[in-house]
């Protein structure tokens, strides 16, 4: 499941901001790995699941980044 919208991060501490940045970065990495995995599997349903998960991770990363 992806974070579908940006969120209000106006009143967060520097430590919380750093955590959100790290989470967004981790989602970018996750998206890339899931895309690579999807290119390696043969089963069409599993391939589609991995591709959708990759897109969801990318969407979450973008929305977190846009919220900053």
PDB file of N, CA and C in Angstrom:
ATOM      1  N   UNK A   1       0.842  -1.166   0.000  1.00  0.00           N
ATOM      2  CA  UNK A   1       0.000   0.000   0.000  1.00  0.00           C
ATOM      3  C   UNK A   1       0.895   1.240   0.000  1.00  0.00           C
ATOM      4  N   UNK A   2       0.553   2.184  -0.832  1.00  0.00           N
ATOM      5  CA  UNK A   2       1.355   3.394  -0.986  1.00  0.00           C
ATOM      6  C   UNK A   2       0.747   4.554  -0.212  1.00  0.00           C
ATOM      7  N   UNK A   3       1.608   5.482   0.158  1.00  0.00           N
ATOM      8  CA  UNK A   3       1.161   6.768   0.694  1.00  0.00           C
ATOM      9  C   UNK A   3       0.653   7.562  -0.504  1.00  0.00           C
ATOM     10  N   UNK A   4      -0.643   7.751  -0.598  1.00  0.00           N
ATOM     11  CA  UNK A   4      -1.256   8.286  -1.818  1.00  0.00           C
ATOM     12  C   UNK A   4      -1.218   9.808  -1.908  1.00  0.00           C
ATOM     13  N   UNK A   5      -1.050  10.488  -0.792  1.00  0.00           N
ATOM     14  CA  UNK A   5      -1.046  11.951  -0.783  1.00  0.00           C
ATOM     15  C   UNK A   5       0.130  12.448   0.048  1.00  0.00           C
ATOM     16  N   UNK A   6       0.462  13.706  -0.154  1.00  0.00           N
ATOM     17  CA  UNK A   6       1.469  14.313   0.713  1.00  0.00           C
ATOM     18  C   UNK A   6       0.865  14.495   2.100  1.00  0.00           C
ATOM     19  N   UNK A   7       1.726  14.690   3.074  1.00  0.00           N
ATOM     20  CA  UNK A   7       1.271  14.899   4.442  1.00  0.00           C
ATOM     21  C   UNK A   7       1.872  16.195   4.971  1.00  0.00           C
ATOM     22  N   UNK A   8       1.263  16.741   5.999  1.00  0.00           N
ATOM     23  CA  UNK A   8       1.727  17.988   6.586  1.00  0.00           C
ATOM     24  C   UNK A   8       2.861  17.692   7.570  1.00  0.00           C
ATOM     25  N   UNK A   9       4.051  18.134   7.198  1.00  0.00           N
ATOM     26  CA  UNK A   9       5.220  17.918   8.051  1.00  0.00           C
ATOM     27  C   UNK A   9       5.804  19.248   8.523  1.00  0.00           C
ATOM     28  N   UNK A  10       4.942  20.234   8.705  1.00  0.00           N
ATOM     29  CA  UNK A  10       5.420  21.565   9.079  1.00  0.00           C
ATOM     30  C   UNK A  10       5.959  21.643  10.505  1.00  0.00           C
ATOM     31  N   UNK A  11       5.407  20.884  11.416  1.00  0.00           N
ATOM     32  CA  UNK A  11       5.776  21.024  12.826  1.00  0.00           C
ATOM     33  C   UNK A  11       6.515  19.804  13.356  1.00  0.00           C
ATOM     34  N   UNK A  12       7.569  19.412  12.651  1.00  0.00           N
ATOM     35  CA  UNK A  12       8.340  18.257  13.123  1.00  0.00           C
ATOM     36  C   UNK A  12       9.741  18.710  13.519  1.00  0.00           C
ATOM     37  N   UNK A  13      10.359  17.916  14.366  1.00  0.00           N
ATOM     38  CA  UNK A  13      11.713  18.235  14.823  1.00  0.00           C
ATOM     39  C   UNK A  13      12.728  17.850  13.752  1.00  0.00           C
ATOM     40  N   UNK A  14      13.948  18.295  13.918  1.00  0.00           N
ATOM     41  CA  UNK A  14      15.022  17.959  12.986  1.00  0.00           C
ATOM     42  C   UNK A  14      15.250  16.452  12.966  1.00  0.00           C
ATOM     43  N   UNK A  15      15.170  15.822  14.117  1.00  0.00           N
ATOM     44  CA  UNK A  15      15.357  14.375  14.195  1.00  0.00           C
ATOM     45  C   UNK A  15      14.246  13.653  13.421  1.00  0.00           C
ATOM     46  N   UNK A  16      13.022  14.108  13.573  1.00  0.00           N
ATOM     47  CA  UNK A  16      11.897  13.512  12.843  1.00  0.00           C
ATOM     48  C   UNK A  16      12.053  13.735  11.336  1.00  0.00           C
ATOM     49  N   UNK A  17      12.515  14.923  10.960  1.00  0.00           N
ATOM     50  CA  UNK A  17      12.759  15.233   9.558  1.00  0.00           C
ATOM     51  C   UNK A  17      13.798  14.274   8.970  1.00  0.00           C
ATOM     52  N   UNK A  18      14.872  14.056   9.721  1.00  0.00           N
ATOM     53  CA  UNK A  18      15.910  13.127   9.263  1.00  0.00           C
ATOM     54  C   UNK A  18      15.362  11.715   9.102  1.00  0.00           C
ATOM     55  N   UNK A  19      14.485  11.313  10.001  1.00  0.00           N
ATOM     56  CA  UNK A  19      13.867   9.980   9.915  1.00  0.00           C
ATOM     57  C   UNK A  19      12.982   9.867   8.678  1.00  0.00           C
ATOM     58  N   UNK A  20      12.207  10.905   8.390  1.00  0.00           N
ATOM     59  CA  UNK A  20      11.343  10.885   7.209  1.00  0.00           C
ATOM     60  C   UNK A  20      12.194  10.805   5.938  1.00  0.00           C
ATOM     61  N   UNK A  21      13.290  11.548   5.896  1.00  0.00           N
ATOM     62  CA  UNK A  21      14.194  11.490   4.746  1.00  0.00           C
ATOM     63  C   UNK A  21      14.770  10.089   4.577  1.00  0.00           C
ATOM     64  N   UNK A  22      15.139   9.466   5.670  1.00  0.00           N
ATOM     65  CA  UNK A  22      15.682   8.114   5.606  1.00  0.00           C
ATOM     66  C   UNK A  22      14.623   7.117   5.135  1.00  0.00           C
ATOM     67  N   UNK A  23      13.399   7.277   5.619  1.00  0.00           N
ATOM     68  CA  UNK A  23      12.306   6.398   5.195  1.00  0.00           C
ATOM     69  C   UNK A  23      12.059   6.560   3.692  1.00  0.00           C
ATOM     70  N   UNK A  24      12.049   7.795   3.211  1.00  0.00           N
ATOM     71  CA  UNK A  24      11.855   8.039   1.774  1.00  0.00           C
ATOM     72  C   UNK A  24      12.982   7.392   0.970  1.00  0.00           C
ATOM     73  N   UNK A  25      14.205   7.536   1.438  1.00  0.00           N
ATOM     74  CA  UNK A  25      15.346   6.921   0.765  1.00  0.00           C
ATOM     75  C   UNK A  25      15.241   5.396   0.745  1.00  0.00           C
ATOM     76  N   UNK A  26      14.794   4.830   1.855  1.00  0.00           N
ATOM     77  CA  UNK A  26      14.622   3.380   1.924  1.00  0.00           C
ATOM     78  C   UNK A  26      13.546   2.906   0.951  1.00  0.00           C
ATOM     79  N   UNK A  27      12.514   3.691   0.764  1.00  0.00           N
ATOM     80  CA  UNK A  27      11.461   3.325  -0.184  1.00  0.00           C
ATOM     81  C   UNK A  27      11.964   3.394  -1.629  1.00  0.00           C
ATOM     82  N   UNK A  28      12.850   4.324  -1.922  1.00  0.00           N
ATOM     83  CA  UNK A  28      13.460   4.379  -3.255  1.00  0.00           C
ATOM     84  C   UNK A  28      14.262   3.108  -3.500  1.00  0.00           C
ATOM     85  N   UNK A  29      15.060   2.727  -2.522  1.00  0.00           N
ATOM     86  CA  UNK A  29      15.852   1.501  -2.638  1.00  0.00           C
ATOM     87  C   UNK A  29      14.947   0.283  -2.792  1.00  0.00           C
ATOM     88  N   UNK A  30      13.906   0.215  -1.983  1.00  0.00           N
ATOM     89  CA  UNK A  30      12.964  -0.897  -2.057  1.00  0.00           C
ATOM     90  C   UNK A  30      12.327  -0.971  -3.439  1.00  0.00           C
ATOM     91  N   UNK A  31      11.938   0.160  -3.986  1.00  0.00           N
ATOM     92  CA  UNK A  31      11.318   0.201  -5.298  1.00  0.00           C
ATOM     93  C   UNK A  31      12.258  -0.368  -6.357  1.00  0.00           C
ATOM     94  N   UNK A  32      13.502   0.044  -6.326  1.00  0.00           N
ATOM     95  CA  UNK A  32      14.489  -0.437  -7.303  1.00  0.00           C
ATOM     96  C   UNK A  32      14.719  -1.942  -7.175  1.00  0.00           C
ATOM     97  N   UNK A  33      14.820  -2.423  -5.949  1.00  0.00           N
ATOM     98  CA  UNK A  33      15.037  -3.859  -5.734  1.00  0.00           C
ATOM     99  C   UNK A  33      13.841  -4.674  -6.197  1.00  0.00           C
ATOM    100  N   UNK A  34      12.639  -4.220  -5.875  1.00  0.00           N
ATOM    101  CA  UNK A  34      11.441  -4.948  -6.292  1.00  0.00           C
ATOM    102  C   UNK A  34      11.319  -4.981  -7.807  1.00  0.00           C
ATOM    103  N   UNK A  35      11.686  -3.894  -8.469  1.00  0.00           N
ATOM    104  CA  UNK A  35      11.673  -3.861  -9.935  1.00  0.00           C
ATOM    105  C   UNK A  35      12.674  -4.869 -10.504  1.00  0.00           C
ATOM    106  N   UNK A  36      13.856  -4.930  -9.911  1.00  0.00           N
ATOM    107  CA  UNK A  36      14.854  -5.917 -10.350  1.00  0.00           C
ATOM    108  C   UNK A  36      14.347  -7.333 -10.146  1.00  0.00           C
ATOM    109  N   UNK A  37      13.749  -7.586  -9.007  1.00  0.00           N
ATOM    110  CA  UNK A  37      13.215  -8.921  -8.733  1.00  0.00           C
ATOM    111  C   UNK A  37      12.121  -9.275  -9.736  1.00  0.00           C
ATOM    112  N   UNK A  38      11.283  -8.306 -10.070  1.00  0.00           N
ATOM    113  CA  UNK A  38      10.188  -8.583 -11.004  1.00  0.00           C
ATOM    114  C   UNK A  38      10.721  -8.982 -12.379  1.00  0.00           C
ATOM    115  N   UNK A  39      11.889  -8.483 -12.741  1.00  0.00           N
ATOM    116  CA  UNK A  39      12.489  -8.837 -14.025  1.00  0.00           C
ATOM    117  C   UNK A  39      13.124 -10.220 -14.017  1.00  0.00           C
ATOM    118  N   UNK A  40      13.267 -10.811 -12.849  1.00  0.00           N
ATOM    119  CA  UNK A  40      13.931 -12.106 -12.737  1.00  0.00           C
ATOM    120  C   UNK A  40      12.966 -13.276 -12.585  1.00  0.00           C
ATOM    121  N   UNK A  41      11.726 -13.023 -12.236  1.00  0.00           N
ATOM    122  CA  UNK A  41      10.783 -14.118 -11.992  1.00  0.00           C
ATOM    123  C   UNK A  41      10.019 -14.466 -13.265  1.00  0.00           C
ATOM    124  N   UNK A  42       9.559 -15.692 -13.343  1.00  0.00           N
ATOM    125  CA  UNK A  42       8.823 -16.164 -14.507  1.00  0.00           C
ATOM    126  C   UNK A  42       7.314 -16.125 -14.297  1.00  0.00           C
ATOM    127  N   UNK A  43       6.869 -16.370 -13.080  1.00  0.00           N
ATOM    128  CA  UNK A  43       5.437 -16.440 -12.791  1.00  0.00           C
ATOM    129  C   UNK A  43       4.788 -15.077 -13.028  1.00  0.00           C
ATOM    130  N   UNK A  44       3.796 -15.006 -13.934  1.00  0.00           N
ATOM    131  CA  UNK A  44       3.192 -13.704 -14.270  1.00  0.00           C
ATOM    132  C   UNK A  44       2.505 -13.014 -13.093  1.00  0.00           C
ATOM    133  N   UNK A  45       1.853 -13.782 -12.232  1.00  0.00           N
ATOM    134  CA  UNK A  45       1.169 -13.166 -11.082  1.00  0.00           C
ATOM    135  C   UNK A  45       2.175 -12.606 -10.091  1.00  0.00           C
ATOM    136  N   UNK A  46       3.238 -13.346  -9.848  1.00  0.00           N
ATOM    137  CA  UNK A  46       4.270 -12.875  -8.923  1.00  0.00           C
ATOM    138  C   UNK A  46       4.995 -11.669  -9.517  1.00  0.00           C
ATOM    139  N   UNK A  47       5.249 -11.709 -10.822  1.00  0.00           N
ATOM    140  CA  UNK A  47       5.879 -10.586 -11.512  1.00  0.00           C
ATOM    141  C   UNK A  47       5.032  -9.320 -11.348  1.00  0.00           C
ATOM    142  N   UNK A  48       3.723  -9.457 -11.562  1.00  0.00           N
ATOM    143  CA  UNK A  48       2.818  -8.313 -11.429  1.00  0.00           C
ATOM    144  C   UNK A  48       2.781  -7.795  -9.993  1.00  0.00           C
ATOM    145  N   UNK A  49       2.767  -8.702  -9.025  1.00  0.00           N
ATOM    146  CA  UNK A  49       2.780  -8.309  -7.617  1.00  0.00           C
ATOM    147  C   UNK A  49       4.040  -7.501  -7.294  1.00  0.00           C
ATOM    148  N   UNK A  50       5.185  -7.956  -7.779  1.00  0.00           N
ATOM    149  CA  UNK A  50       6.437  -7.247  -7.523  1.00  0.00           C
ATOM    150  C   UNK A  50       6.458  -5.885  -8.208  1.00  0.00           C
ATOM    151  N   UNK A  51       5.958  -5.826  -9.434  1.00  0.00           N
ATOM    152  CA  UNK A  51       5.917  -4.543 -10.144  1.00  0.00           C
ATOM    153  C   UNK A  51       5.004  -3.544  -9.434  1.00  0.00           C
ATOM    154  N   UNK A  52       3.845  -4.017  -8.979  1.00  0.00           N
ATOM    155  CA  UNK A  52       2.928  -3.126  -8.269  1.00  0.00           C
ATOM    156  C   UNK A  52       3.535  -2.668  -6.942  1.00  0.00           C
ATOM    157  N   UNK A  53       4.200  -3.562  -6.253  1.00  0.00           N
ATOM    158  CA  UNK A  53       4.857  -3.202  -4.991  1.00  0.00           C
ATOM    159  C   UNK A  53       5.955  -2.178  -5.239  1.00  0.00           C
ATOM    160  N   UNK A  54       6.673  -2.329  -6.338  1.00  0.00           N
ATOM    161  CA  UNK A  54       7.713  -1.366  -6.703  1.00  0.00           C
ATOM    162  C   UNK A  54       7.107   0.012  -6.946  1.00  0.00           C
ATOM    163  N   UNK A  55       6.003   0.056  -7.686  1.00  0.00           N
ATOM    164  CA  UNK A  55       5.328   1.332  -7.955  1.00  0.00           C
ATOM    165  C   UNK A  55       4.811   1.964  -6.665  1.00  0.00           C
ATOM    166  N   UNK A  56       4.262   1.145  -5.777  1.00  0.00           N
ATOM    167  CA  UNK A  56       3.758   1.664  -4.499  1.00  0.00           C
ATOM    168  C   UNK A  56       4.886   2.263  -3.667  1.00  0.00           C
ATOM    169  N   UNK A  57       6.025   1.587  -3.632  1.00  0.00           N
ATOM    170  CA  UNK A  57       7.169   2.101  -2.873  1.00  0.00           C
ATOM    171  C   UNK A  57       7.663   3.412  -3.471  1.00  0.00           C
ATOM    172  N   UNK A  58       7.679   3.484  -4.797  1.00  0.00           N
ATOM    173  CA  UNK A  58       8.113   4.709  -5.467  1.00  0.00           C
ATOM    174  C   UNK A  58       7.139   5.859  -5.177  1.00  0.00           C
ATOM    175  N   UNK A  59       5.848   5.571  -5.210  1.00  0.00           N
ATOM    176  CA  UNK A  59       4.834   6.588  -4.911  1.00  0.00           C
ATOM    177  C   UNK A  59       4.988   7.105  -3.487  1.00  0.00           C
ATOM    178  N   UNK A  60       5.197   6.192  -2.556  1.00  0.00           N
ATOM    179  CA  UNK A  60       5.381   6.596  -1.160  1.00  0.00           C
ATOM    180  C   UNK A  60       6.613   7.479  -1.016  1.00  0.00           C
ATOM    181  N   UNK A  61       7.716   7.089  -1.647  1.00  0.00           N
ATOM    182  CA  UNK A  61       8.941   7.892  -1.575  1.00  0.00           C
ATOM    183  C   UNK A  61       8.709   9.292  -2.143  1.00  0.00           C
ATOM    184  N   UNK A  62       8.045   9.368  -3.281  1.00  0.00           N
ATOM    185  CA  UNK A  62       7.787  10.671  -3.897  1.00  0.00           C
ATOM    186  C   UNK A  62       6.893  11.536  -3.031  1.00  0.00           C
ATOM    187  N   UNK A  63       5.856  10.943  -2.456  1.00  0.00           N
ATOM    188  CA  UNK A  63       4.943  11.730  -1.616  1.00  0.00           C
ATOM    189  C   UNK A  63       5.597  12.176  -0.317  1.00  0.00           C
ATOM    190  N   UNK A  64       6.440  11.339   0.248  1.00  0.00           N
ATOM    191  CA  UNK A  64       7.176  11.760   1.452  1.00  0.00           C
ATOM    192  C   UNK A  64       8.120  12.900   1.107  1.00  0.00           C
ATOM    193  N   UNK A  65       8.841  12.778   0.014  1.00  0.00           N
ATOM    194  CA  UNK A  65       9.781  13.809  -0.409  1.00  0.00           C
ATOM    195  C   UNK A  65       9.056  15.116  -0.716  1.00  0.00           C
ATOM    196  N   UNK A  66       7.915  15.017  -1.369  1.00  0.00           N
ATOM    197  CA  UNK A  66       7.142  16.221  -1.700  1.00  0.00           C
ATOM    198  C   UNK A  66       6.535  16.869  -0.457  1.00  0.00           C
ATOM    199  N   UNK A  67       6.422  16.115   0.605  1.00  0.00           N
ATOM    200  CA  UNK A  67       5.873  16.647   1.857  1.00  0.00           C
ATOM    201  C   UNK A  67       6.898  17.462   2.628  1.00  0.00           C
ATOM    202  N   UNK A  68       8.158  17.308   2.285  1.00  0.00           N
ATOM    203  CA  UNK A  68       9.213  17.999   3.047  1.00  0.00           C
ATOM    204  C   UNK A  68       9.297  19.465   2.698  1.00  0.00           C
TER     205      UNK A  68
END
